[in-house]
Protein backbone atom coordinates (compact mmCIF):
# COMPACT_ATOMS: atom_id res chain seq x y z
CA MET A 1 176.81 61.47 212.89
CA LYS A 2 176.65 65.18 212.21
CA THR A 3 176.64 64.71 208.44
CA ARG A 4 173.90 62.10 208.75
CA ILE A 5 171.70 64.54 210.71
CA MET A 6 172.32 67.24 208.12
CA ASN A 7 171.51 64.80 205.30
CA LEU A 8 168.14 64.09 206.95
CA LEU A 9 167.41 67.64 208.07
CA ILE A 10 167.90 69.42 204.74
CA PRO A 11 165.30 67.36 202.78
CA MET A 12 162.81 67.64 205.65
CA LEU A 13 163.09 71.42 205.73
CA GLY A 14 163.01 71.67 201.94
CA GLY A 15 159.97 69.43 201.71
CA SER A 16 158.00 71.46 204.24
CA ALA A 17 158.62 74.69 202.34
CA THR A 18 156.77 73.49 199.23
CA SER A 19 153.40 73.56 201.00
CA ALA A 20 153.70 77.33 201.37
CA PHE A 21 153.72 77.75 197.59
CA ALA A 22 150.69 75.50 197.06
CA ALA A 23 148.20 78.02 198.50
CA ASP A 24 149.21 80.86 196.17
CA GLY A 25 146.41 80.44 193.61
CA ALA A 26 143.59 80.50 196.17
CA LEU A 27 143.76 84.25 196.79
CA GLN A 28 143.62 85.54 193.22
CA ASP A 29 139.85 86.02 192.96
CA GLY A 30 139.78 88.95 195.42
CA GLY A 31 137.32 87.40 197.86
CA GLY A 32 133.58 87.06 197.73
CA PRO A 33 130.91 89.40 199.03
CA LEU A 34 130.86 87.67 202.42
CA ILE A 35 134.48 88.63 203.03
CA TRP A 36 133.73 92.26 202.21
CA PHE A 37 130.65 92.13 204.46
CA PHE A 38 132.80 90.79 207.31
CA ILE A 39 135.42 93.50 206.82
CA GLY A 40 132.71 96.18 206.66
CA PHE A 41 131.07 94.84 209.81
CA GLY A 42 134.41 94.98 211.63
CA VAL A 43 134.93 98.59 210.54
CA LEU A 44 131.39 99.43 211.67
CA VAL A 45 132.04 97.96 215.12
CA VAL A 46 135.25 99.98 215.48
CA MET A 47 133.52 103.20 214.39
CA VAL A 48 130.59 102.68 216.78
CA GLN A 49 133.03 102.19 219.64
CA ALA A 50 135.02 105.26 218.60
CA VAL A 51 132.08 107.65 219.15
CA PRO A 52 131.82 107.14 222.95
CA ALA A 53 135.61 107.12 223.18
CA MET A 54 135.78 110.56 221.55
CA VAL A 55 133.07 111.89 223.87
CA MET A 56 134.96 110.58 226.90
CA LEU A 57 138.26 112.00 225.61
CA TYR A 58 136.62 115.40 225.11
CA SER A 59 135.20 115.39 228.64
CA MET A 60 138.56 114.38 230.14
CA VAL A 61 140.43 117.11 228.28
CA LYS A 62 137.77 119.63 229.27
CA ALA A 63 138.07 118.59 232.94
CA VAL A 64 141.85 118.85 232.89
CA PHE A 65 141.97 122.33 231.40
CA SER A 66 139.01 123.87 233.23
CA PRO A 67 139.65 125.68 236.52
CA SER A 68 138.96 123.60 239.62
CA GLU A 69 135.79 124.13 241.64
CA ASN A 70 137.72 124.97 244.81
CA SER A 71 139.48 127.94 243.22
CA ARG A 72 136.18 129.28 241.82
CA THR A 73 134.34 129.11 245.15
CA ALA A 74 137.29 130.54 247.08
CA SER A 75 137.64 133.50 244.75
CA ALA A 76 133.89 134.18 244.81
CA THR A 77 133.62 134.14 248.59
CA GLY A 78 136.97 135.81 249.32
CA HIS A 79 135.97 139.29 248.04
CA LYS A 80 133.00 141.15 249.56
């Protein structure tokens, strides 16, 4: 029984692997202008979203490293 399963399984797996080699010639032209437009549009979307992210990162870093408001008001009112 085990040899019969192996005799059926090996040709099925070997036959399914040939379809992977059939699509090799389709990608040799380098893509048309629509593909490059799509890739460029995706990069543009990422860059437009990166600008507000950098502004927010700058403001968070600035808030973390600036002195707190409580220490500024306490030091200003503590000395007369």
